[in-house]
Every structure is written in C-alpha cells, then in structure tokens.
C-alpha cells in the first residue's frame, strides 16, 4: 500500500495524485504479486480496479505494466468486502458482506498463496480491527500530506512488527515489508 511519510493513504477527498510509480516499482511489485493468487479489496477499490484492469491490455498503447497486471488481474481470485454488493455474481470473485472474520479465516485456510490487500483503507481498517492482517507491505512516498485518510486509525492494541526487508527506489519511494510479530 502506498502511504505518505505521515501515514496517509489518500488525501482528504481520496486523491492519490501524490503517489509516485514508475517502471522500476511496477517491475518490483509484479514479481511480488505474481506469488499471490487471491487479492482482497474494499468495494470502492474493487470498482476502480474492475473499471480498468480487465481490458487494460487490450488498448493499443498498453504499457508493459498494463499488459502484465491485466493478465494477473484476470486470473487472480478477487475477494471484496462490501455490504452493498450482496448477492452480486461476478466471475472469479467472492463478495463478503457479513461475518468478515469467519469468512476471511475460511479463505486463509484454503490451499494457495498469499492474500494481497490492495488499497482499500476502509477494508484495511476493518481487517486491522479484527486482527486479520499478518503483514504490511508499504511504499512510503516522499511527501507529507498533513491530512487525509490514515492507514492506521483507532488502533486498540499495540501491534508489534518485524521488518523483513526494505528497498529504496530511484523515485525516492521506500518499500518497507513487515510481518506481524507473534
């Protein structure tokens, strides 16, 4: 997840125009997400992704990233946390509208690779609150927003983390990869 130095994932109105991405970051992320076979989204992020990625590779000016990520997006199983999409039938997609903790735990017990949570601050807050996030893969952007949508809010108990890796990119973005310490 991209965050500002002061911990925001979006500006006050959801703006993300401050996020730095380039081919170096795309290549790095592509290697990592290729290991995941399930992606988890909140409804807003899912709608945004669904509006672009299924056909991104079909455009005449599609970039390398668009072609690769579009192929991954079409194959990955998508899990959406949403109270408003109940009963919606979508290919290769599971909608969770109630019993989030139980349903997510069921999915984690199934065979497969990592479940990757993309964006979705509201879903992230709910999963943090339920203790269902076992790692944080953060891309710290060299900017202080001062206000916006925070990654962490209303944390009830301390969450101890263990740093697994870091990487500095030419753009000034720093990746921090943490696992929740047991």
N, C-alpha and C. Protein backbone atom coordinates (compact mmCIF):
# COMPACT_ATOMS: atom_id res chain seq x y z
N UNK A 1 0.85 -1.16 0.00
CA UNK A 1 0.00 0.00 0.00
C UNK A 1 0.90 1.23 0.00
N UNK A 2 0.57 2.21 -0.80
CA UNK A 2 1.31 3.47 -0.83
C UNK A 2 0.84 4.35 0.32
N UNK A 3 1.80 4.94 1.03
CA UNK A 3 1.47 5.86 2.11
C UNK A 3 2.38 7.08 2.02
N UNK A 4 1.91 8.17 2.59
CA UNK A 4 2.76 9.35 2.73
C UNK A 4 3.66 9.16 3.95
N UNK A 5 4.66 9.98 4.08
CA UNK A 5 5.57 9.88 5.22
C UNK A 5 4.82 10.03 6.54
N UNK A 6 3.72 10.81 6.53
CA UNK A 6 2.94 10.99 7.75
C UNK A 6 1.76 10.00 7.87
N UNK A 7 1.78 8.93 7.08
CA UNK A 7 0.87 7.82 7.29
C UNK A 7 -0.48 7.86 6.61
N UNK A 8 -0.65 8.72 5.60
CA UNK A 8 -1.93 8.78 4.90
C UNK A 8 -1.87 7.96 3.60
N UNK A 9 -2.99 7.30 3.27
CA UNK A 9 -3.08 6.52 2.05
C UNK A 9 -3.78 7.28 0.92
N UNK A 10 -4.39 8.40 1.28
CA UNK A 10 -5.06 9.25 0.30
C UNK A 10 -5.25 10.63 0.94
N UNK A 11 -5.46 11.62 0.10
CA UNK A 11 -5.74 12.96 0.60
C UNK A 11 -7.13 13.01 1.21
N UNK A 12 -7.55 14.18 1.71
CA UNK A 12 -8.84 14.31 2.39
C UNK A 12 -10.03 13.92 1.52
N UNK A 13 -9.92 14.08 0.21
CA UNK A 13 -11.01 13.74 -0.70
C UNK A 13 -10.71 12.47 -1.50
N UNK A 14 -9.81 11.65 -0.99
CA UNK A 14 -9.46 10.40 -1.66
C UNK A 14 -8.41 10.55 -2.74
N UNK A 15 -7.85 11.74 -2.92
CA UNK A 15 -6.90 11.96 -4.01
C UNK A 15 -5.60 11.18 -3.77
N UNK A 16 -5.09 10.62 -4.86
CA UNK A 16 -3.87 9.81 -4.82
C UNK A 16 -2.86 10.29 -5.85
N UNK A 17 -3.00 11.53 -6.29
CA UNK A 17 -2.12 12.06 -7.33
C UNK A 17 -0.69 12.31 -6.84
N UNK A 18 -0.45 12.14 -5.58
CA UNK A 18 0.87 12.33 -4.97
C UNK A 18 1.71 11.04 -4.99
N UNK A 19 1.07 9.91 -5.31
CA UNK A 19 1.76 8.62 -5.30
C UNK A 19 2.71 8.53 -6.48
N UNK A 20 3.96 8.16 -6.19
CA UNK A 20 4.97 8.01 -7.23
C UNK A 20 5.06 6.55 -7.66
N UNK A 21 4.85 6.31 -8.94
CA UNK A 21 5.03 4.98 -9.51
C UNK A 21 5.81 5.13 -10.81
N UNK A 22 6.62 4.13 -11.10
CA UNK A 22 7.37 4.11 -12.34
C UNK A 22 7.65 2.65 -12.68
N UNK A 23 8.35 2.43 -13.79
CA UNK A 23 8.59 1.06 -14.24
C UNK A 23 9.38 0.25 -13.22
N UNK A 24 10.32 0.88 -12.52
CA UNK A 24 11.09 0.17 -11.50
C UNK A 24 10.17 -0.38 -10.41
N UNK A 25 9.24 0.44 -9.94
CA UNK A 25 8.30 -0.01 -8.91
C UNK A 25 7.35 -1.05 -9.48
N UNK A 26 6.84 -0.82 -10.70
CA UNK A 26 5.95 -1.78 -11.34
C UNK A 26 6.61 -3.15 -11.46
N UNK A 27 7.86 -3.19 -11.88
CA UNK A 27 8.57 -4.47 -12.03
C UNK A 27 8.73 -5.16 -10.67
N UNK A 28 9.07 -4.40 -9.66
CA UNK A 28 9.23 -4.94 -8.31
C UNK A 28 7.91 -5.51 -7.79
N UNK A 29 6.86 -4.75 -7.93
CA UNK A 29 5.54 -5.18 -7.46
C UNK A 29 5.07 -6.40 -8.26
N UNK A 30 5.33 -6.39 -9.56
CA UNK A 30 4.92 -7.52 -10.40
C UNK A 30 5.50 -8.84 -9.93
N UNK A 31 6.76 -8.82 -9.52
CA UNK A 31 7.39 -10.05 -9.01
C UNK A 31 6.70 -10.52 -7.74
N UNK A 32 6.37 -9.58 -6.87
CA UNK A 32 5.75 -9.93 -5.59
C UNK A 32 4.32 -10.41 -5.75
N UNK A 33 3.52 -9.71 -6.53
CA UNK A 33 2.11 -10.11 -6.63
C UNK A 33 1.95 -11.38 -7.45
N UNK A 34 2.94 -11.68 -8.27
CA UNK A 34 2.89 -12.93 -9.02
C UNK A 34 2.84 -14.14 -8.10
N UNK A 35 3.25 -13.97 -6.85
CA UNK A 35 3.22 -15.04 -5.86
C UNK A 35 1.87 -15.15 -5.17
N UNK A 36 1.00 -14.17 -5.37
CA UNK A 36 -0.31 -14.18 -4.73
C UNK A 36 -1.37 -14.69 -5.70
N UNK A 37 -2.29 -15.48 -5.19
CA UNK A 37 -3.36 -15.98 -6.06
C UNK A 37 -4.74 -15.47 -5.63
N UNK A 38 -4.75 -14.63 -4.58
CA UNK A 38 -6.00 -14.03 -4.11
C UNK A 38 -5.74 -12.57 -3.77
N UNK A 39 -6.61 -11.70 -4.24
CA UNK A 39 -6.50 -10.29 -3.89
C UNK A 39 -7.77 -9.88 -3.16
N UNK A 40 -7.60 -9.00 -2.18
CA UNK A 40 -8.72 -8.56 -1.37
C UNK A 40 -8.88 -7.06 -1.54
N UNK A 41 -10.12 -6.63 -1.72
CA UNK A 41 -10.42 -5.21 -1.95
C UNK A 41 -11.64 -4.80 -1.13
N UNK A 42 -11.73 -3.53 -0.85
CA UNK A 42 -12.99 -2.94 -0.44
C UNK A 42 -13.77 -2.64 -1.71
N UNK A 43 -15.05 -2.32 -1.57
CA UNK A 43 -15.89 -2.10 -2.75
C UNK A 43 -15.39 -0.99 -3.66
N UNK A 44 -15.00 0.15 -3.08
CA UNK A 44 -14.58 1.28 -3.91
C UNK A 44 -13.34 0.94 -4.73
N UNK A 45 -12.36 0.31 -4.09
CA UNK A 45 -11.14 -0.05 -4.82
C UNK A 45 -11.45 -1.12 -5.86
N UNK A 46 -12.30 -2.08 -5.51
CA UNK A 46 -12.68 -3.12 -6.47
C UNK A 46 -13.34 -2.49 -7.70
N UNK A 47 -14.28 -1.58 -7.47
CA UNK A 47 -14.94 -0.92 -8.60
C UNK A 47 -13.93 -0.19 -9.48
N UNK A 48 -12.96 0.47 -8.85
CA UNK A 48 -11.92 1.18 -9.59
C UNK A 48 -11.08 0.19 -10.41
N UNK A 49 -10.67 -0.90 -9.79
CA UNK A 49 -9.87 -1.91 -10.47
C UNK A 49 -10.66 -2.56 -11.60
N UNK A 50 -11.89 -2.91 -11.31
CA UNK A 50 -12.74 -3.59 -12.29
C UNK A 50 -13.03 -2.69 -13.50
N UNK A 51 -13.02 -1.39 -13.27
CA UNK A 51 -13.27 -0.45 -14.37
C UNK A 51 -12.08 -0.28 -15.29
N UNK A 52 -10.90 -0.78 -14.89
CA UNK A 52 -9.71 -0.57 -15.72
C UNK A 52 -9.00 -1.86 -16.13
N UNK A 53 -8.68 -2.72 -15.16
CA UNK A 53 -7.76 -3.83 -15.42
C UNK A 53 -8.26 -4.93 -16.35
N UNK A 54 -9.53 -5.29 -16.39
CA UNK A 54 -9.92 -6.38 -17.28
C UNK A 54 -9.60 -6.12 -18.76
N UNK A 55 -9.59 -4.85 -19.17
CA UNK A 55 -9.34 -4.54 -20.59
C UNK A 55 -8.09 -3.69 -20.81
N UNK A 56 -7.32 -3.45 -19.77
CA UNK A 56 -6.14 -2.58 -19.90
C UNK A 56 -5.16 -3.07 -20.95
N UNK A 57 -4.98 -4.37 -21.05
CA UNK A 57 -4.02 -4.93 -22.01
C UNK A 57 -4.50 -4.83 -23.45
N UNK A 58 -5.80 -4.60 -23.65
CA UNK A 58 -6.37 -4.56 -25.00
C UNK A 58 -6.19 -3.22 -25.69
N UNK A 59 -5.78 -2.22 -24.96
CA UNK A 59 -5.63 -0.88 -25.53
C UNK A 59 -4.39 -0.85 -26.43
N UNK A 60 -4.45 -0.12 -27.54
CA UNK A 60 -3.31 -0.09 -28.47
C UNK A 60 -2.03 0.47 -27.84
N UNK A 61 -2.16 1.35 -26.86
CA UNK A 61 -0.99 1.95 -26.23
C UNK A 61 -0.69 1.33 -24.86
N UNK A 62 -1.13 0.09 -24.64
CA UNK A 62 -0.95 -0.56 -23.34
C UNK A 62 0.54 -0.67 -23.01
N UNK A 63 0.88 -0.29 -21.80
CA UNK A 63 2.27 -0.40 -21.35
C UNK A 63 2.58 -1.84 -20.94
N UNK A 64 3.85 -2.11 -20.73
CA UNK A 64 4.27 -3.43 -20.24
C UNK A 64 3.54 -3.74 -18.93
N UNK A 65 3.49 -2.75 -18.04
CA UNK A 65 2.80 -2.93 -16.76
C UNK A 65 1.32 -3.24 -16.96
N UNK A 66 0.66 -2.49 -17.84
CA UNK A 66 -0.76 -2.72 -18.09
C UNK A 66 -1.01 -4.14 -18.61
N UNK A 67 -0.16 -4.61 -19.51
CA UNK A 67 -0.33 -5.96 -20.07
C UNK A 67 -0.12 -7.02 -18.98
N UNK A 68 0.94 -6.88 -18.21
CA UNK A 68 1.25 -7.87 -17.17
C UNK A 68 0.21 -7.85 -16.05
N UNK A 69 -0.14 -6.65 -15.57
CA UNK A 69 -1.08 -6.57 -14.44
C UNK A 69 -2.49 -6.98 -14.87
N UNK A 70 -2.86 -6.67 -16.09
CA UNK A 70 -4.17 -7.06 -16.60
C UNK A 70 -4.29 -8.59 -16.63
N UNK A 71 -3.25 -9.26 -17.09
CA UNK A 71 -3.26 -10.73 -17.13
C UNK A 71 -3.37 -11.30 -15.72
N UNK A 72 -2.60 -10.74 -14.79
CA UNK A 72 -2.67 -11.20 -13.40
C UNK A 72 -4.07 -10.96 -12.83
N UNK A 73 -4.62 -9.77 -13.05
CA UNK A 73 -5.92 -9.40 -12.51
C UNK A 73 -7.01 -10.35 -13.02
N UNK A 74 -6.95 -10.71 -14.28
CA UNK A 74 -7.97 -11.61 -14.83
C UNK A 74 -7.92 -12.98 -14.18
N UNK A 75 -6.71 -13.45 -13.80
CA UNK A 75 -6.54 -14.79 -13.23
C UNK A 75 -6.74 -14.86 -11.72
N UNK A 76 -6.41 -13.78 -11.01
CA UNK A 76 -6.43 -13.83 -9.56
C UNK A 76 -7.87 -13.92 -9.04
N UNK A 77 -8.04 -14.66 -7.93
CA UNK A 77 -9.34 -14.70 -7.28
C UNK A 77 -9.51 -13.41 -6.48
N UNK A 78 -10.60 -12.73 -6.69
CA UNK A 78 -10.85 -11.46 -6.02
C UNK A 78 -11.85 -11.66 -4.89
N UNK A 79 -11.51 -11.09 -3.73
CA UNK A 79 -12.40 -11.10 -2.57
C UNK A 79 -12.74 -9.65 -2.28
N UNK A 80 -14.02 -9.35 -2.18
CA UNK A 80 -14.46 -7.97 -1.96
C UNK A 80 -15.25 -7.89 -0.66
N UNK A 81 -14.82 -6.98 0.21
CA UNK A 81 -15.58 -6.70 1.43
C UNK A 81 -16.56 -5.58 1.11
N UNK A 82 -17.86 -5.91 1.13
CA UNK A 82 -18.86 -4.90 0.78
C UNK A 82 -20.22 -5.28 1.33
N UNK A 83 -20.88 -4.31 1.93
CA UNK A 83 -22.25 -4.51 2.40
C UNK A 83 -23.25 -4.19 1.31
N UNK A 84 -22.82 -3.48 0.27
CA UNK A 84 -23.75 -3.06 -0.79
C UNK A 84 -23.75 -3.97 -2.01
N UNK A 85 -22.81 -4.90 -2.10
CA UNK A 85 -22.74 -5.79 -3.27
C UNK A 85 -23.32 -7.17 -2.97
N UNK A 86 -24.11 -7.31 -1.94
CA UNK A 86 -24.67 -8.60 -1.56
C UNK A 86 -25.30 -9.30 -2.76
N UNK A 87 -24.97 -10.57 -2.89
CA UNK A 87 -25.60 -11.38 -3.92
C UNK A 87 -25.14 -11.09 -5.33
N UNK A 88 -24.25 -10.13 -5.51
CA UNK A 88 -23.79 -9.81 -6.85
C UNK A 88 -22.94 -10.97 -7.38
N UNK A 89 -23.25 -11.44 -8.57
CA UNK A 89 -22.48 -12.52 -9.20
C UNK A 89 -21.42 -11.90 -10.11
N UNK A 90 -20.18 -12.18 -9.81
CA UNK A 90 -19.07 -11.65 -10.59
C UNK A 90 -18.09 -12.80 -10.82
N UNK A 91 -17.53 -12.90 -12.02
CA UNK A 91 -16.61 -14.01 -12.30
C UNK A 91 -15.35 -13.94 -11.42
N UNK A 92 -14.97 -15.12 -10.90
CA UNK A 92 -13.74 -15.27 -10.12
C UNK A 92 -13.69 -14.30 -8.93
N UNK A 93 -14.86 -14.00 -8.36
CA UNK A 93 -14.97 -13.02 -7.28
C UNK A 93 -15.87 -13.54 -6.17
N UNK A 94 -15.42 -13.36 -4.95
CA UNK A 94 -16.22 -13.68 -3.77
C UNK A 94 -16.55 -12.38 -3.06
N UNK A 95 -17.83 -12.18 -2.76
CA UNK A 95 -18.27 -11.00 -2.03
C UNK A 95 -18.51 -11.41 -0.58
N UNK A 96 -17.89 -10.68 0.35
CA UNK A 96 -18.12 -10.92 1.77
C UNK A 96 -18.84 -9.70 2.32
N UNK A 97 -20.09 -9.92 2.78
CA UNK A 97 -20.88 -8.79 3.28
C UNK A 97 -21.21 -8.92 4.76
N UNK A 98 -20.91 -10.07 5.35
CA UNK A 98 -21.15 -10.25 6.79
C UNK A 98 -20.17 -11.31 7.30
N UNK A 99 -20.08 -11.41 8.62
CA UNK A 99 -19.18 -12.39 9.24
C UNK A 99 -17.77 -12.33 8.64
N UNK A 100 -17.24 -11.10 8.54
CA UNK A 100 -15.95 -10.89 7.88
C UNK A 100 -14.86 -11.78 8.47
N UNK A 101 -14.73 -11.79 9.78
CA UNK A 101 -13.64 -12.57 10.41
C UNK A 101 -13.73 -14.04 10.03
N UNK A 102 -14.91 -14.64 10.15
CA UNK A 102 -15.09 -16.05 9.83
C UNK A 102 -14.81 -16.33 8.36
N UNK A 103 -15.36 -15.51 7.50
CA UNK A 103 -15.22 -15.74 6.05
C UNK A 103 -13.77 -15.57 5.59
N UNK A 104 -13.08 -14.54 6.09
CA UNK A 104 -11.68 -14.34 5.71
C UNK A 104 -10.83 -15.48 6.25
N UNK A 105 -11.09 -15.91 7.48
CA UNK A 105 -10.34 -17.05 8.04
C UNK A 105 -10.55 -18.31 7.21
N UNK A 106 -11.77 -18.53 6.72
CA UNK A 106 -12.05 -19.68 5.85
C UNK A 106 -11.19 -19.61 4.59
N UNK A 107 -11.10 -18.43 4.01
CA UNK A 107 -10.31 -18.26 2.78
C UNK A 107 -8.83 -18.51 3.05
N UNK A 108 -8.34 -18.05 4.22
CA UNK A 108 -6.92 -18.25 4.53
C UNK A 108 -6.60 -19.72 4.78
N UNK A 109 -7.58 -20.53 5.13
CA UNK A 109 -7.36 -21.96 5.36
C UNK A 109 -7.32 -22.78 4.08
N UNK A 110 -7.76 -22.19 2.98
CA UNK A 110 -7.76 -22.90 1.71
C UNK A 110 -6.35 -22.95 1.14
N UNK A 111 -6.05 -23.98 0.34
CA UNK A 111 -4.72 -24.05 -0.27
C UNK A 111 -4.50 -22.85 -1.19
N UNK A 112 -3.28 -22.42 -1.28
CA UNK A 112 -2.96 -21.31 -2.17
C UNK A 112 -1.85 -20.46 -1.60
N UNK A 113 -1.60 -19.39 -2.27
CA UNK A 113 -0.52 -18.48 -1.90
C UNK A 113 -1.06 -17.34 -1.04
N UNK A 114 -0.31 -16.24 -1.01
CA UNK A 114 -0.68 -15.08 -0.21
C UNK A 114 -2.00 -14.46 -0.66
N UNK A 115 -2.68 -13.85 0.30
CA UNK A 115 -3.83 -12.99 0.00
C UNK A 115 -3.29 -11.57 0.12
N UNK A 116 -3.39 -10.83 -0.97
CA UNK A 116 -2.85 -9.47 -1.01
C UNK A 116 -3.99 -8.46 -0.94
N UNK A 117 -3.88 -7.54 0.00
CA UNK A 117 -4.88 -6.48 0.17
C UNK A 117 -4.39 -5.25 -0.58
N UNK A 118 -5.20 -4.76 -1.50
CA UNK A 118 -4.81 -3.61 -2.31
C UNK A 118 -5.62 -2.38 -1.90
N UNK A 119 -4.90 -1.31 -1.54
CA UNK A 119 -5.57 -0.05 -1.22
C UNK A 119 -6.63 -0.27 -0.16
N UNK A 120 -7.81 0.19 -0.45
CA UNK A 120 -8.98 -0.10 0.37
C UNK A 120 -8.82 0.26 1.84
N UNK A 121 -8.67 1.55 2.16
CA UNK A 121 -8.47 1.91 3.57
C UNK A 121 -9.58 1.46 4.50
N UNK A 122 -10.83 1.52 4.09
CA UNK A 122 -11.93 1.10 4.96
C UNK A 122 -11.83 -0.39 5.25
N UNK A 123 -11.58 -1.19 4.23
CA UNK A 123 -11.40 -2.63 4.43
C UNK A 123 -10.18 -2.90 5.29
N UNK A 124 -9.11 -2.16 5.06
CA UNK A 124 -7.89 -2.34 5.86
C UNK A 124 -8.18 -2.05 7.32
N UNK A 125 -8.88 -0.97 7.61
CA UNK A 125 -9.22 -0.63 9.00
C UNK A 125 -10.02 -1.76 9.65
N UNK A 126 -10.98 -2.32 8.92
CA UNK A 126 -11.81 -3.41 9.46
C UNK A 126 -10.95 -4.64 9.74
N UNK A 127 -10.05 -4.97 8.82
CA UNK A 127 -9.20 -6.15 8.99
C UNK A 127 -8.19 -5.97 10.12
N UNK A 128 -7.66 -4.76 10.27
CA UNK A 128 -6.76 -4.47 11.39
C UNK A 128 -7.52 -4.66 12.69
N UNK A 129 -8.72 -4.11 12.75
CA UNK A 129 -9.55 -4.19 13.95
C UNK A 129 -9.85 -5.64 14.34
N UNK A 130 -9.98 -6.51 13.34
CA UNK A 130 -10.27 -7.92 13.57
C UNK A 130 -9.00 -8.76 13.76
N UNK A 131 -7.84 -8.12 13.67
CA UNK A 131 -6.58 -8.84 13.83
C UNK A 131 -6.29 -9.81 12.69
N UNK A 132 -6.73 -9.47 11.48
CA UNK A 132 -6.60 -10.38 10.34
C UNK A 132 -5.49 -10.02 9.36
N UNK A 133 -4.68 -9.03 9.70
CA UNK A 133 -3.56 -8.68 8.82
C UNK A 133 -2.29 -9.23 9.45
N UNK A 134 -1.57 -10.04 8.68
CA UNK A 134 -0.35 -10.64 9.23
C UNK A 134 0.92 -10.03 8.68
N UNK A 135 0.77 -9.03 7.82
CA UNK A 135 1.95 -8.35 7.31
C UNK A 135 1.56 -7.05 6.62
N UNK A 136 2.52 -6.16 6.54
CA UNK A 136 2.32 -4.86 5.89
C UNK A 136 3.41 -4.66 4.86
N UNK A 137 3.00 -4.40 3.64
CA UNK A 137 3.90 -4.14 2.53
C UNK A 137 3.63 -2.70 2.12
N UNK A 138 4.48 -1.81 2.61
CA UNK A 138 4.24 -0.37 2.48
C UNK A 138 5.23 0.28 1.53
N UNK A 139 4.72 1.22 0.73
CA UNK A 139 5.55 2.03 -0.14
C UNK A 139 5.44 3.47 0.35
N UNK A 140 6.46 3.89 1.09
CA UNK A 140 6.46 5.22 1.70
C UNK A 140 6.90 6.24 0.65
N UNK A 141 6.00 7.14 0.32
CA UNK A 141 6.26 8.18 -0.67
C UNK A 141 6.86 9.41 0.01
N UNK A 142 7.81 10.06 -0.65
CA UNK A 142 8.49 11.21 -0.04
C UNK A 142 7.63 12.47 -0.07
N UNK A 143 6.57 12.45 0.74
CA UNK A 143 5.67 13.60 0.82
C UNK A 143 4.98 13.58 2.18
N UNK A 144 4.73 14.76 2.71
CA UNK A 144 3.94 14.91 3.93
C UNK A 144 2.64 15.59 3.51
N UNK A 145 1.52 14.89 3.70
CA UNK A 145 0.22 15.43 3.29
C UNK A 145 -0.40 16.32 4.35
N UNK A 146 -0.15 16.03 5.61
CA UNK A 146 -0.72 16.84 6.68
C UNK A 146 -2.14 16.48 7.05
N UNK A 147 -2.88 15.92 6.12
CA UNK A 147 -4.25 15.47 6.38
C UNK A 147 -4.65 14.50 5.29
N UNK A 148 -5.68 13.73 5.57
CA UNK A 148 -6.15 12.76 4.59
C UNK A 148 -6.73 11.54 5.26
N UNK A 149 -6.73 10.44 4.53
CA UNK A 149 -7.24 9.17 5.04
C UNK A 149 -6.04 8.40 5.60
N UNK A 150 -6.03 8.15 6.92
CA UNK A 150 -4.87 7.48 7.51
C UNK A 150 -4.89 5.97 7.27
N UNK A 151 -3.70 5.39 7.20
CA UNK A 151 -3.62 3.93 7.13
C UNK A 151 -4.03 3.33 8.46
N UNK A 152 -3.55 3.89 9.54
CA UNK A 152 -3.83 3.37 10.88
C UNK A 152 -4.71 4.36 11.63
N UNK A 153 -5.82 3.87 12.15
CA UNK A 153 -6.68 4.73 12.98
C UNK A 153 -7.41 3.85 13.98
N UNK A 154 -7.69 4.43 15.13
CA UNK A 154 -8.43 3.73 16.19
C UNK A 154 -7.84 2.37 16.53
N UNK A 155 -6.52 2.29 16.56
CA UNK A 155 -5.85 1.04 16.92
C UNK A 155 -6.06 0.81 18.42
N UNK A 156 -6.63 -0.34 18.76
CA UNK A 156 -6.97 -0.64 20.15
C UNK A 156 -5.76 -1.14 20.94
N UNK A 157 -4.97 -2.00 20.32
CA UNK A 157 -3.81 -2.58 20.99
C UNK A 157 -2.58 -2.39 20.13
N UNK A 158 -1.44 -2.33 20.77
CA UNK A 158 -0.18 -2.23 20.03
C UNK A 158 -0.02 -3.44 19.12
N UNK A 159 0.55 -3.21 17.96
CA UNK A 159 0.85 -4.29 17.03
C UNK A 159 2.35 -4.25 16.79
N UNK A 160 3.04 -5.26 17.29
CA UNK A 160 4.49 -5.32 17.11
C UNK A 160 4.80 -5.92 15.75
N UNK A 161 5.76 -5.31 15.07
CA UNK A 161 6.12 -5.73 13.72
C UNK A 161 7.59 -6.13 13.67
N UNK A 162 7.89 -7.03 12.73
CA UNK A 162 9.26 -7.41 12.46
C UNK A 162 9.56 -7.04 11.02
N UNK A 163 10.62 -6.25 10.82
CA UNK A 163 11.00 -5.82 9.48
C UNK A 163 11.62 -6.99 8.72
N UNK A 164 11.06 -7.30 7.55
CA UNK A 164 11.60 -8.37 6.71
C UNK A 164 12.57 -7.83 5.67
N UNK A 165 12.21 -6.69 5.06
CA UNK A 165 13.08 -6.14 4.02
C UNK A 165 12.73 -4.68 3.76
N UNK A 166 13.68 -4.00 3.13
CA UNK A 166 13.46 -2.63 2.66
C UNK A 166 14.05 -2.52 1.27
N UNK A 167 13.55 -1.57 0.52
CA UNK A 167 14.14 -1.27 -0.77
C UNK A 167 13.90 0.20 -1.09
N UNK A 168 14.95 0.84 -1.53
CA UNK A 168 14.86 2.25 -1.94
C UNK A 168 14.77 2.28 -3.46
N UNK A 169 13.85 3.06 -3.99
CA UNK A 169 13.70 3.21 -5.43
C UNK A 169 14.23 4.57 -5.87
N UNK A 170 14.60 4.67 -7.13
CA UNK A 170 15.16 5.92 -7.68
C UNK A 170 14.20 7.10 -7.52
N UNK A 171 12.91 6.83 -7.49
CA UNK A 171 11.89 7.88 -7.36
C UNK A 171 11.86 8.50 -5.97
N UNK A 172 12.56 7.89 -5.02
CA UNK A 172 12.53 8.36 -3.64
C UNK A 172 11.56 7.57 -2.76
N UNK A 173 10.78 6.69 -3.37
CA UNK A 173 9.88 5.82 -2.62
C UNK A 173 10.70 4.74 -1.91
N UNK A 174 10.31 4.42 -0.69
CA UNK A 174 10.97 3.36 0.07
C UNK A 174 9.95 2.28 0.42
N UNK A 175 10.28 1.06 0.07
CA UNK A 175 9.43 -0.08 0.42
C UNK A 175 9.83 -0.59 1.79
N UNK A 176 8.84 -0.81 2.64
CA UNK A 176 9.04 -1.44 3.94
C UNK A 176 8.14 -2.66 4.00
N UNK A 177 8.74 -3.80 4.26
CA UNK A 177 7.97 -5.06 4.30
C UNK A 177 8.06 -5.62 5.71
N UNK A 178 6.91 -5.64 6.41
CA UNK A 178 6.84 -6.09 7.79
C UNK A 178 5.93 -7.30 7.92
N UNK A 179 6.23 -8.13 8.90
CA UNK A 179 5.32 -9.21 9.32
C UNK A 179 4.92 -8.88 10.75
N UNK A 180 3.69 -9.22 11.10
CA UNK A 180 3.23 -9.03 12.47
C UNK A 180 3.97 -10.03 13.36
N UNK A 181 4.64 -9.53 14.38
CA UNK A 181 5.42 -10.38 15.28
C UNK A 181 4.47 -11.21 16.14
N UNK A 182 4.81 -12.44 16.31
CA UNK A 182 3.97 -13.37 17.11
C UNK A 182 4.42 -13.37 18.54
